């Protein structure tokens, strides 16, 4: 069984949808894991969402393009990525008002803001992003 096969097996069996490169460090060394992940990205099993961050992917039935394989969509992937990195975050005002029940308006995009201003890592899933100047 090759390294790529072992990584692929672990990705398919895992319940979460966001993976760090360090999740596979028991399989092989750093460079070999990187090559295995890169080939899975080319095959379409994973999508890269940030430095050392990957999300399980699937093909959208309507558009035929790759999208994150998460029931909560891109927002859920970004939230899971922030939790996996151990970063405290908050939502923008519109989203937090909707979640708390103060407003019935549903925002088009949930904006995630890291509480620590030193967190400058860019995480992006499609057009949803954290720390991206747009």
N, C-alpha and C. Protein backbone atom coordinates (compact mmCIF):
# COMPACT_ATOMS: atom_id res chain seq x y z
N UNK A 1 0.84 -1.18 0.00
CA UNK A 1 0.00 0.00 0.00
C UNK A 1 0.89 1.24 0.00
N UNK A 2 0.68 2.12 -0.95
CA UNK A 2 1.52 3.31 -1.08
C UNK A 2 1.10 4.37 -0.06
N UNK A 3 1.94 5.38 0.07
CA UNK A 3 1.66 6.48 0.99
C UNK A 3 0.39 7.20 0.57
N UNK A 4 0.25 7.43 -0.72
CA UNK A 4 -0.94 8.10 -1.23
C UNK A 4 -2.21 7.30 -0.91
N UNK A 5 -2.14 6.00 -1.05
CA UNK A 5 -3.29 5.15 -0.73
C UNK A 5 -3.64 5.23 0.75
N UNK A 6 -2.62 5.26 1.60
CA UNK A 6 -2.88 5.34 3.05
C UNK A 6 -3.49 6.68 3.43
N UNK A 7 -3.02 7.77 2.81
CA UNK A 7 -3.60 9.09 3.07
C UNK A 7 -5.04 9.13 2.57
N UNK A 8 -5.26 8.60 1.37
CA UNK A 8 -6.60 8.58 0.79
C UNK A 8 -7.57 7.77 1.65
N UNK A 9 -7.13 6.66 2.16
CA UNK A 9 -7.97 5.81 3.02
C UNK A 9 -8.35 6.56 4.29
N UNK A 10 -7.39 7.28 4.88
CA UNK A 10 -7.66 8.02 6.11
C UNK A 10 -8.62 9.18 5.85
N UNK A 11 -8.47 9.86 4.72
CA UNK A 11 -9.36 10.98 4.39
C UNK A 11 -10.78 10.48 4.19
N UNK A 12 -10.95 9.38 3.50
CA UNK A 12 -12.28 8.86 3.22
C UNK A 12 -12.97 8.33 4.47
N UNK A 13 -12.22 7.78 5.41
CA UNK A 13 -12.80 7.20 6.61
C UNK A 13 -13.12 8.23 7.69
N UNK A 14 -12.44 9.35 7.66
CA UNK A 14 -12.55 10.34 8.73
C UNK A 14 -13.89 11.08 8.67
N UNK A 15 -14.44 11.41 9.82
CA UNK A 15 -15.72 12.11 9.89
C UNK A 15 -15.58 13.60 9.65
N UNK A 16 -14.44 14.17 9.99
CA UNK A 16 -14.28 15.61 9.79
C UNK A 16 -13.91 15.89 8.33
N UNK A 17 -14.03 17.15 7.96
CA UNK A 17 -13.78 17.49 6.57
C UNK A 17 -12.54 18.36 6.37
N UNK A 18 -11.92 18.84 7.44
CA UNK A 18 -10.72 19.67 7.33
C UNK A 18 -9.53 18.89 7.88
N UNK A 19 -8.44 18.90 7.13
CA UNK A 19 -7.25 18.15 7.51
C UNK A 19 -6.04 19.07 7.54
N UNK A 20 -5.20 18.86 8.53
CA UNK A 20 -3.92 19.53 8.60
C UNK A 20 -2.87 18.59 8.03
N UNK A 21 -1.80 19.14 7.56
CA UNK A 21 -0.72 18.30 7.04
C UNK A 21 -0.16 17.41 8.14
N UNK A 22 -0.20 17.90 9.36
CA UNK A 22 0.34 17.14 10.49
C UNK A 22 -0.53 15.94 10.86
N UNK A 23 -1.75 15.85 10.33
CA UNK A 23 -2.60 14.69 10.60
C UNK A 23 -2.03 13.40 10.01
N UNK A 24 -1.14 13.55 9.04
CA UNK A 24 -0.61 12.39 8.34
C UNK A 24 0.86 12.14 8.66
N UNK A 25 1.40 12.76 9.70
CA UNK A 25 2.83 12.64 9.97
C UNK A 25 3.23 11.24 10.44
N UNK A 26 2.28 10.43 10.90
CA UNK A 26 2.61 9.06 11.30
C UNK A 26 2.69 8.12 10.09
N UNK A 27 2.24 8.57 8.94
CA UNK A 27 2.27 7.74 7.73
C UNK A 27 3.65 7.77 7.09
N UNK A 28 4.21 8.98 6.94
CA UNK A 28 5.51 9.14 6.29
C UNK A 28 6.11 10.46 6.73
N UNK A 29 7.29 10.78 6.19
CA UNK A 29 7.91 12.05 6.58
C UNK A 29 7.27 13.21 5.82
N UNK A 30 7.70 14.41 6.14
CA UNK A 30 7.08 15.66 5.69
C UNK A 30 6.98 15.75 4.17
N UNK A 31 8.07 15.50 3.47
CA UNK A 31 8.09 15.64 2.02
C UNK A 31 7.20 14.60 1.33
N UNK A 32 7.26 13.36 1.81
CA UNK A 32 6.45 12.31 1.20
C UNK A 32 4.96 12.56 1.41
N UNK A 33 4.59 13.04 2.59
CA UNK A 33 3.19 13.38 2.85
C UNK A 33 2.76 14.52 1.94
N UNK A 34 3.64 15.49 1.74
CA UNK A 34 3.32 16.61 0.85
C UNK A 34 3.08 16.15 -0.57
N UNK A 35 3.88 15.24 -1.06
CA UNK A 35 3.69 14.72 -2.41
C UNK A 35 2.38 13.93 -2.51
N UNK A 36 2.09 13.14 -1.49
CA UNK A 36 0.84 12.37 -1.49
C UNK A 36 -0.38 13.27 -1.47
N UNK A 37 -0.35 14.31 -0.64
CA UNK A 37 -1.47 15.24 -0.57
C UNK A 37 -1.62 15.99 -1.88
N UNK A 38 -0.50 16.42 -2.47
CA UNK A 38 -0.54 17.14 -3.74
C UNK A 38 -1.19 16.30 -4.83
N UNK A 39 -0.89 15.02 -4.85
CA UNK A 39 -1.49 14.16 -5.88
C UNK A 39 -2.99 13.97 -5.62
N UNK A 40 -3.40 13.94 -4.35
CA UNK A 40 -4.83 13.84 -4.04
C UNK A 40 -5.56 15.13 -4.40
N UNK A 41 -4.88 16.26 -4.29
CA UNK A 41 -5.47 17.53 -4.72
C UNK A 41 -5.66 17.51 -6.24
N UNK A 42 -4.67 17.00 -6.97
CA UNK A 42 -4.80 16.90 -8.42
C UNK A 42 -5.94 15.97 -8.83
N UNK A 43 -6.13 14.89 -8.08
CA UNK A 43 -7.20 13.93 -8.38
C UNK A 43 -8.57 14.48 -8.03
N UNK A 44 -8.64 15.45 -7.12
CA UNK A 44 -9.92 16.05 -6.75
C UNK A 44 -10.51 15.50 -5.47
N UNK A 45 -9.75 14.74 -4.70
CA UNK A 45 -10.25 14.24 -3.41
C UNK A 45 -10.13 15.31 -2.33
N UNK A 46 -9.12 16.17 -2.44
CA UNK A 46 -8.90 17.25 -1.48
C UNK A 46 -8.82 18.58 -2.23
N UNK A 47 -9.14 19.66 -1.52
CA UNK A 47 -8.89 21.01 -2.03
C UNK A 47 -8.07 21.75 -0.98
N UNK A 48 -7.15 22.56 -1.46
CA UNK A 48 -6.30 23.32 -0.56
C UNK A 48 -7.03 24.60 -0.17
N UNK A 49 -7.15 24.85 1.14
CA UNK A 49 -7.84 26.04 1.60
C UNK A 49 -6.91 27.02 2.30
N UNK A 50 -5.68 26.60 2.55
CA UNK A 50 -4.71 27.47 3.21
C UNK A 50 -3.39 26.74 3.34
N UNK A 51 -2.42 27.41 3.95
CA UNK A 51 -1.11 26.81 4.13
C UNK A 51 -1.21 25.62 5.07
N UNK A 52 -1.01 24.42 4.55
CA UNK A 52 -1.09 23.20 5.35
C UNK A 52 -2.50 22.79 5.72
N UNK A 53 -3.50 23.41 5.12
CA UNK A 53 -4.91 23.10 5.40
C UNK A 53 -5.58 22.58 4.14
N UNK A 54 -6.29 21.49 4.30
CA UNK A 54 -6.97 20.87 3.17
C UNK A 54 -8.37 20.46 3.60
N UNK A 55 -9.29 20.47 2.66
CA UNK A 55 -10.66 20.05 2.92
C UNK A 55 -11.04 18.93 1.96
N UNK A 56 -11.83 18.00 2.45
CA UNK A 56 -12.32 16.93 1.59
C UNK A 56 -13.24 17.55 0.54
N UNK A 57 -13.15 17.07 -0.68
CA UNK A 57 -13.90 17.68 -1.78
C UNK A 57 -14.81 16.65 -2.46
N UNK A 58 -15.80 17.20 -3.13
CA UNK A 58 -16.66 16.37 -3.97
C UNK A 58 -17.08 17.23 -5.16
N UNK A 59 -17.60 16.59 -6.18
CA UNK A 59 -18.01 17.30 -7.38
C UNK A 59 -19.46 17.77 -7.20
N UNK A 60 -19.70 19.04 -7.49
CA UNK A 60 -21.04 19.59 -7.42
C UNK A 60 -21.87 19.01 -8.56
N UNK A 61 -23.07 18.53 -8.24
CA UNK A 61 -23.90 17.89 -9.25
C UNK A 61 -24.42 18.88 -10.29
N UNK A 62 -24.55 20.13 -9.91
CA UNK A 62 -25.12 21.13 -10.82
C UNK A 62 -24.04 21.73 -11.72
N UNK A 63 -22.96 22.22 -11.10
CA UNK A 63 -21.93 22.93 -11.87
C UNK A 63 -20.82 22.01 -12.37
N UNK A 64 -20.62 20.88 -11.73
CA UNK A 64 -19.56 19.97 -12.12
C UNK A 64 -18.20 20.39 -11.57
N UNK A 65 -18.16 21.40 -10.70
CA UNK A 65 -16.89 21.87 -10.13
C UNK A 65 -16.71 21.27 -8.74
N UNK A 66 -15.46 21.31 -8.27
CA UNK A 66 -15.16 20.81 -6.94
C UNK A 66 -15.70 21.76 -5.88
N UNK A 67 -16.22 21.19 -4.80
CA UNK A 67 -16.70 21.96 -3.67
C UNK A 67 -16.39 21.20 -2.39
N UNK A 68 -16.35 21.88 -1.24
CA UNK A 68 -16.05 21.17 0.00
C UNK A 68 -17.16 20.18 0.35
N UNK A 69 -16.76 19.03 0.85
CA UNK A 69 -17.70 17.98 1.23
C UNK A 69 -18.06 18.18 2.70
N UNK A 70 -18.90 19.17 2.97
CA UNK A 70 -19.33 19.49 4.31
C UNK A 70 -20.79 19.88 4.23
N UNK A 71 -21.61 19.39 5.16
CA UNK A 71 -23.03 19.69 5.11
C UNK A 71 -23.31 21.17 5.34
N UNK A 72 -22.42 21.89 6.03
CA UNK A 72 -22.62 23.31 6.29
C UNK A 72 -22.00 24.19 5.20
N UNK A 73 -21.42 23.61 4.19
CA UNK A 73 -20.85 24.37 3.09
C UNK A 73 -19.53 25.03 3.43
N UNK A 74 -19.23 26.11 2.72
CA UNK A 74 -17.96 26.81 2.89
C UNK A 74 -17.84 27.42 4.29
N UNK A 75 -18.96 27.92 4.83
CA UNK A 75 -18.92 28.48 6.18
C UNK A 75 -18.52 27.43 7.21
N UNK A 76 -19.08 26.25 7.08
CA UNK A 76 -18.75 25.17 8.01
C UNK A 76 -17.29 24.75 7.91
N UNK A 77 -16.74 24.76 6.70
CA UNK A 77 -15.34 24.41 6.51
C UNK A 77 -14.44 25.44 7.18
N UNK A 78 -14.77 26.74 7.01
CA UNK A 78 -13.96 27.79 7.62
C UNK A 78 -14.03 27.72 9.14
N UNK A 79 -15.21 27.47 9.68
CA UNK A 79 -15.34 27.35 11.14
C UNK A 79 -14.56 26.15 11.65
N UNK A 80 -14.66 25.02 10.95
CA UNK A 80 -13.91 23.82 11.37
C UNK A 80 -12.41 24.05 11.28
N UNK A 81 -11.97 24.78 10.26
CA UNK A 81 -10.54 25.08 10.11
C UNK A 81 -10.05 25.95 11.27
N UNK A 82 -10.83 26.95 11.64
CA UNK A 82 -10.44 27.81 12.76
C UNK A 82 -10.38 27.01 14.06
N UNK A 83 -11.33 26.11 14.26
CA UNK A 83 -11.32 25.28 15.46
C UNK A 83 -10.16 24.30 15.45
N UNK A 84 -9.84 23.73 14.29
CA UNK A 84 -8.71 22.81 14.21
C UNK A 84 -7.40 23.51 14.50
N UNK A 85 -7.29 24.80 14.10
CA UNK A 85 -6.07 25.57 14.36
C UNK A 85 -6.03 26.11 15.78
N UNK A 86 -7.13 26.04 16.50
CA UNK A 86 -7.18 26.52 17.88
C UNK A 86 -7.24 28.03 17.98
N UNK A 87 -7.87 28.68 17.02
CA UNK A 87 -7.96 30.14 16.99
C UNK A 87 -9.35 30.56 17.44
N UNK A 88 -9.42 31.50 18.38
CA UNK A 88 -10.71 32.06 18.78
C UNK A 88 -11.20 32.99 17.68
N UNK A 89 -12.49 32.97 17.45
CA UNK A 89 -13.06 33.78 16.38
C UNK A 89 -14.42 34.30 16.82
N UNK A 90 -14.90 35.27 16.07
CA UNK A 90 -16.25 35.78 16.27
C UNK A 90 -16.87 36.01 14.90
N UNK A 91 -18.18 36.17 14.89
CA UNK A 91 -18.88 36.43 13.64
C UNK A 91 -19.13 37.92 13.50
N UNK A 92 -19.40 38.37 12.29
CA UNK A 92 -19.73 39.78 12.08
C UNK A 92 -21.07 40.08 12.75
N UNK A 93 -21.42 41.35 12.81
CA UNK A 93 -22.61 41.78 13.54
C UNK A 93 -23.90 41.18 13.00
N UNK A 94 -24.07 41.18 11.68
CA UNK A 94 -25.30 40.64 11.09
C UNK A 94 -25.46 39.15 11.40
N UNK A 95 -24.40 38.40 11.26
CA UNK A 95 -24.47 36.96 11.51
C UNK A 95 -24.74 36.67 12.98
N UNK A 96 -24.08 37.38 13.88
CA UNK A 96 -24.29 37.13 15.30
C UNK A 96 -25.70 37.51 15.73
N UNK A 97 -26.27 38.58 15.14
CA UNK A 97 -27.66 38.93 15.45
C UNK A 97 -28.62 37.85 14.96
N UNK A 98 -28.34 37.28 13.81
CA UNK A 98 -29.19 36.23 13.28
C UNK A 98 -29.08 34.97 14.14
N UNK A 99 -27.87 34.61 14.55
CA UNK A 99 -27.68 33.40 15.35
C UNK A 99 -28.32 33.53 16.73
N UNK A 100 -28.29 34.74 17.30
CA UNK A 100 -28.87 34.94 18.63
C UNK A 100 -30.38 35.12 18.60
N UNK A 101 -30.96 35.33 17.43
CA UNK A 101 -32.41 35.48 17.32
C UNK A 101 -32.87 36.92 17.37
N UNK A 102 -31.96 37.87 17.39
CA UNK A 102 -32.32 39.28 17.43
C UNK A 102 -32.84 39.76 16.07
N UNK A 103 -32.47 39.09 15.02
CA UNK A 103 -32.86 39.49 13.68
C UNK A 103 -33.31 38.26 12.89
N UNK A 104 -34.27 38.48 12.01
CA UNK A 104 -34.72 37.38 11.16
C UNK A 104 -34.07 37.43 9.79
N UNK A 105 -33.28 38.47 9.53
CA UNK A 105 -32.60 38.58 8.26
C UNK A 105 -31.41 37.63 8.23
N UNK A 106 -31.31 36.90 7.15
CA UNK A 106 -30.23 35.93 7.00
C UNK A 106 -29.15 36.55 6.13
N UNK A 107 -27.92 36.68 6.63
CA UNK A 107 -26.87 37.28 5.80
C UNK A 107 -26.48 36.34 4.66
N UNK A 108 -26.10 36.93 3.54
CA UNK A 108 -25.71 36.14 2.38
C UNK A 108 -24.42 35.37 2.67
N UNK A 109 -23.49 36.02 3.34
CA UNK A 109 -22.22 35.39 3.69
C UNK A 109 -21.94 35.61 5.16
N UNK A 110 -21.51 34.57 5.83
CA UNK A 110 -21.11 34.68 7.22
C UNK A 110 -19.65 35.07 7.24
N UNK A 111 -19.33 36.18 7.88
CA UNK A 111 -17.95 36.64 7.94
C UNK A 111 -17.36 36.22 9.28
N UNK A 112 -16.23 35.55 9.23
CA UNK A 112 -15.54 35.07 10.43
C UNK A 112 -14.35 35.98 10.68
N UNK A 113 -14.28 36.51 11.91
CA UNK A 113 -13.23 37.45 12.27
C UNK A 113 -12.42 36.84 13.42
N UNK A 114 -11.11 36.64 13.24
CA UNK A 114 -10.29 36.12 14.34
C UNK A 114 -10.19 37.17 15.45
N UNK A 115 -10.26 36.72 16.70
CA UNK A 115 -10.17 37.64 17.83
C UNK A 115 -8.75 38.15 18.03
N UNK A 116 -7.77 37.35 17.67
CA UNK A 116 -6.37 37.74 17.83
C UNK A 116 -5.92 38.50 16.58
N UNK A 117 -5.52 39.75 16.72
CA UNK A 117 -5.10 40.50 15.54
C UNK A 117 -3.78 40.00 14.94
N UNK A 118 -3.04 39.18 15.68
CA UNK A 118 -1.79 38.64 15.15
C UNK A 118 -2.00 37.45 14.24
N UNK A 119 -3.21 36.90 14.21
CA UNK A 119 -3.52 35.79 13.32
C UNK A 119 -3.72 36.35 11.92
N UNK A 120 -2.75 36.13 11.04
CA UNK A 120 -2.80 36.69 9.69
C UNK A 120 -2.87 35.61 8.62
N UNK A 121 -3.04 34.39 9.02
CA UNK A 121 -3.11 33.29 8.07
C UNK A 121 -4.34 33.42 7.19
N UNK A 122 -4.19 33.21 5.90
CA UNK A 122 -5.28 33.33 4.96
C UNK A 122 -5.89 31.95 4.70
N UNK A 123 -7.19 31.87 4.92
CA UNK A 123 -7.93 30.64 4.68
C UNK A 123 -9.07 31.00 3.74
N UNK A 124 -9.19 30.29 2.63
CA UNK A 124 -10.22 30.62 1.65
C UNK A 124 -10.84 29.36 1.06
N UNK A 125 -12.17 29.37 1.01
CA UNK A 125 -12.93 28.31 0.36
C UNK A 125 -13.85 29.00 -0.63
N UNK A 126 -13.50 28.95 -1.89
CA UNK A 126 -14.27 29.67 -2.90
C UNK A 126 -14.15 31.16 -2.67
N UNK A 127 -15.29 31.84 -2.51
CA UNK A 127 -15.28 33.27 -2.25
C UNK A 127 -15.35 33.59 -0.77
N UNK A 128 -15.60 32.61 0.07
CA UNK A 128 -15.60 32.79 1.52
C UNK A 128 -14.16 32.77 2.01
N UNK A 129 -13.76 33.73 2.84
CA UNK A 129 -12.38 33.75 3.28
C UNK A 129 -12.25 34.38 4.67
N UNK A 130 -11.12 34.10 5.27
CA UNK A 130 -10.72 34.67 6.54
C UNK A 130 -9.42 35.40 6.30
N UNK A 131 -9.32 36.64 6.77
CA UNK A 131 -8.11 37.46 6.65
C UNK A 131 -7.73 37.76 5.20
N UNK A 132 -8.69 37.90 4.35
CA UNK A 132 -8.40 38.25 2.95
C UNK A 132 -8.90 39.65 2.71
N UNK A 133 -8.03 40.52 2.26
CA UNK A 133 -8.41 41.90 1.99
C UNK A 133 -9.13 41.98 0.66
N UNK A 134 -10.44 42.20 0.68
CA UNK A 134 -11.24 42.31 -0.54
C UNK A 134 -12.09 43.52 -0.47
